[in-house]
Amino acid sequence: FAIREGGRTVGAGVVAKIIE
């Protein structure tokens, strides 16, 4: 899945961001 961050689509490392 992907989330919108800073106006860009982030798919890689998104899980890491959620964990952090």
Protein backbone atom coordinates (compact mmCIF):
# COMPACT_ATOMS: atom_id res chain seq x y z
CA PHE A 1 0.00 0.00 0.00
CA ALA A 2 1.06 3.61 -0.29
CA ILE A 3 0.44 6.79 1.69
CA ARG A 4 0.55 10.45 0.74
CA GLU A 5 3.40 12.28 2.43
CA GLY A 6 4.68 15.70 1.53
CA GLY A 7 2.46 15.58 -1.55
CA ARG A 8 4.29 12.56 -2.94
CA THR A 9 3.31 8.92 -2.93
CA VAL A 10 5.46 6.86 -0.60
CA GLY A 11 5.34 3.11 -0.95
CA ALA A 12 8.79 1.91 0.09
CA GLY A 13 9.62 2.19 3.77
CA VAL A 14 6.03 3.09 4.60
CA VAL A 15 5.86 0.20 7.04
CA ALA A 16 9.02 1.43 8.76
CA LYS A 17 7.46 4.88 9.17
CA ILE A 18 4.36 3.38 10.78
CA ILE A 19 6.51 1.33 13.17
CA GLU A 20 8.50 4.43 14.07
